[in-house]
Amino acid sequence: MKLPVLSNIHLFNRSIIIIFLSYIREYFVLLFHYNKKRKRKTSNFL
């Protein structure tokens, strides 16, 4: 009975890690684009 639970937990962890990694990647891409826009617009603000 323990083996299926362990495999389920393993699959669950793997999916969480994949989702987490994709989320981090999206976040960094957004941050990168935001910084590029900000650098372009800083002269207008100042």
PDB file of N, CA and C in Angstrom:
ATOM      1  N   MET A   1       0.833  -1.208   0.000  1.00  0.00           N
ATOM      2  CA  MET A   1       0.000   0.000   0.000  1.00  0.00           C
ATOM      3  C   MET A   1       0.873   1.267   0.000  1.00  0.00           C
ATOM      4  N   LYS A   2       2.078   1.141   0.513  1.00  0.00           N
ATOM      5  CA  LYS A   2       2.939   2.328   0.578  1.00  0.00           C
ATOM      6  C   LYS A   2       3.514   2.695  -0.788  1.00  0.00           C
ATOM      7  N   LEU A   3       3.755   1.705  -1.630  1.00  0.00           N
ATOM      8  CA  LEU A   3       4.404   1.982  -2.915  1.00  0.00           C
ATOM      9  C   LEU A   3       3.598   2.915  -3.820  1.00  0.00           C
ATOM     10  N   PRO A   4       2.301   2.675  -4.016  1.00  0.00           N
ATOM     11  CA  PRO A   4       1.529   3.589  -4.873  1.00  0.00           C
ATOM     12  C   PRO A   4       1.515   5.016  -4.320  1.00  0.00           C
ATOM     13  N   VAL A   5       1.432   5.130  -3.007  1.00  0.00           N
ATOM     14  CA  VAL A   5       1.424   6.457  -2.382  1.00  0.00           C
ATOM     15  C   VAL A   5       2.742   7.160  -2.672  1.00  0.00           C
ATOM     16  N   LEU A   6       3.838   6.432  -2.538  1.00  0.00           N
ATOM     17  CA  LEU A   6       5.160   7.011  -2.802  1.00  0.00           C
ATOM     18  C   LEU A   6       5.281   7.458  -4.252  1.00  0.00           C
ATOM     19  N   SER A   7       4.812   6.621  -5.158  1.00  0.00           N
ATOM     20  CA  SER A   7       4.902   6.980  -6.580  1.00  0.00           C
ATOM     21  C   SER A   7       4.018   8.195  -6.876  1.00  0.00           C
ATOM     22  N   ASN A   8       2.858   8.245  -6.221  1.00  0.00           N
ATOM     23  CA  ASN A   8       1.977   9.404  -6.407  1.00  0.00           C
ATOM     24  C   ASN A   8       2.637  10.679  -5.899  1.00  0.00           C
ATOM     25  N   ILE A   9       3.268  10.573  -4.747  1.00  0.00           N
ATOM     26  CA  ILE A   9       3.970  11.735  -4.180  1.00  0.00           C
ATOM     27  C   ILE A   9       5.090  12.160  -5.112  1.00  0.00           C
ATOM     28  N   HIS A  10       5.786  11.181  -5.671  1.00  0.00           N
ATOM     29  CA  HIS A  10       6.892  11.485  -6.581  1.00  0.00           C
ATOM     30  C   HIS A  10       6.374  12.217  -7.819  1.00  0.00           C
ATOM     31  N   LEU A  11       5.296  11.722  -8.389  1.00  0.00           N
ATOM     32  CA  LEU A  11       4.699  12.375  -9.564  1.00  0.00           C
ATOM     33  C   LEU A  11       4.226  13.781  -9.206  1.00  0.00           C
ATOM     34  N   PHE A  12       3.622  13.895  -8.049  1.00  0.00           N
ATOM     35  CA  PHE A  12       3.126  15.188  -7.575  1.00  0.00           C
ATOM     36  C   PHE A  12       4.278  16.182  -7.446  1.00  0.00           C
ATOM     37  N   ASN A  13       5.373  15.747  -6.808  1.00  0.00           N
ATOM     38  CA  ASN A  13       6.541  16.614  -6.645  1.00  0.00           C
ATOM     39  C   ASN A  13       7.116  17.012  -7.989  1.00  0.00           C
ATOM     40  N   ARG A  14       7.170  16.059  -8.903  1.00  0.00           N
ATOM     41  CA  ARG A  14       7.728  16.357 -10.223  1.00  0.00           C
ATOM     42  C   ARG A  14       6.886  17.405 -10.943  1.00  0.00           C
ATOM     43  N   SER A  15       5.584  17.264 -10.876  1.00  0.00           N
ATOM     44  CA  SER A  15       4.711  18.234 -11.547  1.00  0.00           C
ATOM     45  C   SER A  15       4.852  19.608 -10.899  1.00  0.00           C
ATOM     46  N   ILE A  16       4.959  19.628  -9.581  1.00  0.00           N
ATOM     47  CA  ILE A  16       5.131  20.905  -8.873  1.00  0.00           C
ATOM     48  C   ILE A  16       6.436  21.561  -9.286  1.00  0.00           C
ATOM     49  N   ILE A  17       7.496  20.772  -9.381  1.00  0.00           N
ATOM     50  CA  ILE A  17       8.802  21.319  -9.779  1.00  0.00           C
ATOM     51  C   ILE A  17       8.735  21.868 -11.193  1.00  0.00           C
ATOM     52  N   ILE A  18       8.082  21.140 -12.091  1.00  0.00           N
ATOM     53  CA  ILE A  18       7.967  21.596 -13.482  1.00  0.00           C
ATOM     54  C   ILE A  18       7.178  22.904 -13.539  1.00  0.00           C
ATOM     55  N   ILE A  19       6.069  22.957 -12.831  1.00  0.00           N
ATOM     56  CA  ILE A  19       5.248  24.173 -12.806  1.00  0.00           C
ATOM     57  C   ILE A  19       6.041  25.330 -12.211  1.00  0.00           C
ATOM     58  N   PHE A  20       6.756  25.043 -11.123  1.00  0.00           N
ATOM     59  CA  PHE A  20       7.554  26.062 -10.450  1.00  0.00           C
ATOM     60  C   PHE A  20       8.629  26.617 -11.376  1.00  0.00           C
ATOM     61  N   LEU A  21       9.315  25.729 -12.079  1.00  0.00           N
ATOM     62  CA  LEU A  21      10.380  26.158 -12.993  1.00  0.00           C
ATOM     63  C   LEU A  21       9.824  27.002 -14.133  1.00  0.00           C
ATOM     64  N   SER A  22       8.707  26.579 -14.691  1.00  0.00           N
ATOM     65  CA  SER A  22       8.115  27.347 -15.795  1.00  0.00           C
ATOM     66  C   SER A  22       7.649  28.716 -15.287  1.00  0.00           C
ATOM     67  N   TYR A  23       7.112  28.738 -14.061  1.00  0.00           N
ATOM     68  CA  TYR A  23       6.669  29.997 -13.466  1.00  0.00           C
ATOM     69  C   TYR A  23       7.853  30.944 -13.272  1.00  0.00           C
ATOM     70  N   ILE A  24       8.959  30.416 -12.758  1.00  0.00           N
ATOM     71  CA  ILE A  24      10.166  31.229 -12.553  1.00  0.00           C
ATOM     72  C   ILE A  24      10.676  31.756 -13.882  1.00  0.00           C
ATOM     73  N   ARG A  25      10.653  30.910 -14.901  1.00  0.00           N
ATOM     74  CA  ARG A  25      11.131  31.337 -16.222  1.00  0.00           C
ATOM     75  C   ARG A  25      10.266  32.483 -16.750  1.00  0.00           C
ATOM     76  N   GLU A  26       8.956  32.336 -16.635  1.00  0.00           N
ATOM     77  CA  GLU A  26       8.047  33.393 -17.086  1.00  0.00           C
ATOM     78  C   GLU A  26       8.312  34.686 -16.315  1.00  0.00           C
ATOM     79  N   TYR A  27       8.523  34.544 -15.010  1.00  0.00           N
ATOM     80  CA  TYR A  27       8.764  35.707 -14.169  1.00  0.00           C
ATOM     81  C   TYR A  27      10.027  36.442 -14.604  1.00  0.00           C
ATOM     82  N   PHE A  28      11.094  35.686 -14.877  1.00  0.00           N
ATOM     83  CA  PHE A  28      12.345  36.320 -15.283  1.00  0.00           C
ATOM     84  C   PHE A  28      12.226  36.963 -16.661  1.00  0.00           C
ATOM     85  N   VAL A  29      11.478  36.324 -17.550  1.00  0.00           N
ATOM     86  CA  VAL A  29      11.271  36.917 -18.876  1.00  0.00           C
ATOM     87  C   VAL A  29      10.519  38.243 -18.738  1.00  0.00           C
ATOM     88  N   LEU A  30       9.484  38.236 -17.908  1.00  0.00           N
ATOM     89  CA  LEU A  30       8.725  39.467 -17.687  1.00  0.00           C
ATOM     90  C   LEU A  30       9.599  40.537 -17.048  1.00  0.00           C
ATOM     91  N   LEU A  31      10.388  40.138 -16.074  1.00  0.00           N
ATOM     92  CA  LEU A  31      11.271  41.077 -15.393  1.00  0.00           C
ATOM     93  C   LEU A  31      12.271  41.675 -16.370  1.00  0.00           C
ATOM     94  N   PHE A  32      12.800  40.834 -17.236  1.00  0.00           N
ATOM     95  CA  PHE A  32      13.774  41.288 -18.228  1.00  0.00           C
ATOM     96  C   PHE A  32      13.149  42.325 -19.162  1.00  0.00           C
ATOM     97  N   HIS A  33      11.952  42.020 -19.656  1.00  0.00           N
ATOM     98  CA  HIS A  33      11.270  42.955 -20.552  1.00  0.00           C
ATOM     99  C   HIS A  33      10.922  44.253 -19.824  1.00  0.00           C
ATOM    100  N   TYR A  34      10.502  44.114 -18.583  1.00  0.00           N
ATOM    101  CA  TYR A  34      10.152  45.297 -17.791  1.00  0.00           C
ATOM    102  C   TYR A  34      11.377  46.192 -17.596  1.00  0.00           C
ATOM    103  N   ASN A  35      12.515  45.583 -17.292  1.00  0.00           N
ATOM    104  CA  ASN A  35      13.743  46.360 -17.104  1.00  0.00           C
ATOM    105  C   ASN A  35      14.165  47.043 -18.393  1.00  0.00           C
ATOM    106  N   LYS A  36      14.006  46.354 -19.501  1.00  0.00           N
ATOM    107  CA  LYS A  36      14.357  46.956 -20.791  1.00  0.00           C
ATOM    108  C   LYS A  36      13.475  48.175 -21.059  1.00  0.00           C
ATOM    109  N   LYS A  37      12.180  48.034 -20.801  1.00  0.00           N
ATOM    110  CA  LYS A  37      11.263  49.158 -21.002  1.00  0.00           C
ATOM    111  C   LYS A  37      11.617  50.295 -20.052  1.00  0.00           C
ATOM    112  N   ARG A  38      11.919  49.942 -18.811  1.00  0.00           N
ATOM    113  CA  ARG A  38      12.215  50.948 -17.802  1.00  0.00           C
ATOM    114  C   ARG A  38      13.467  51.732 -18.173  1.00  0.00           C
ATOM    115  N   LYS A  39      14.481  51.031 -18.623  1.00  0.00           N
ATOM    116  CA  LYS A  39      15.720  51.711 -19.006  1.00  0.00           C
ATOM    117  C   LYS A  39      15.465  52.669 -20.166  1.00  0.00           C
ATOM    118  N   ARG A  40      14.572  52.277 -21.042  1.00  0.00           N
ATOM    119  CA  ARG A  40      14.263  53.123 -22.187  1.00  0.00           C
ATOM    120  C   ARG A  40      13.494  54.369 -21.734  1.00  0.00           C
ATOM    121  N   LYS A  41      12.655  54.212 -20.702  1.00  0.00           N
ATOM    122  CA  LYS A  41      11.773  55.307 -20.293  1.00  0.00           C
ATOM    123  C   LYS A  41      12.336  56.147 -19.148  1.00  0.00           C
ATOM    124  N   THR A  42      13.450  55.761 -18.570  1.00  0.00           N
ATOM    125  CA  THR A  42      13.965  56.506 -17.412  1.00  0.00           C
ATOM    126  C   THR A  42      14.277  57.944 -17.785  1.00  0.00           C
ATOM    127  N   SER A  43      14.770  58.173 -18.976  1.00  0.00           N
ATOM    128  CA  SER A  43      15.106  59.538 -19.399  1.00  0.00           C
ATOM    129  C   SER A  43      13.850  60.413 -19.436  1.00  0.00           C
ATOM    130  N   ASN A  44      12.713  59.802 -19.778  1.00  0.00           N
ATOM    131  CA  ASN A  44      11.469  60.571 -19.822  1.00  0.00           C
ATOM    132  C   ASN A  44      11.011  60.947 -18.412  1.00  0.00           C
ATOM    133  N   PHE A  45      11.202  60.017 -17.467  1.00  0.00           N
ATOM    134  CA  PHE A  45      10.783  60.298 -16.100  1.00  0.00           C
ATOM    135  C   PHE A  45      11.681  61.350 -15.462  1.00  0.00           C
ATOM    136  N   LEU A  46      12.970  61.268 -15.727  1.00  0.00           N
ATOM    137  CA  LEU A  46      13.920  62.223 -15.137  1.00  0.00           C
ATOM    138  C   LEU A  46      14.086  63.426 -16.026  1.00  0.00           C
TER     139      LEU A  46
END
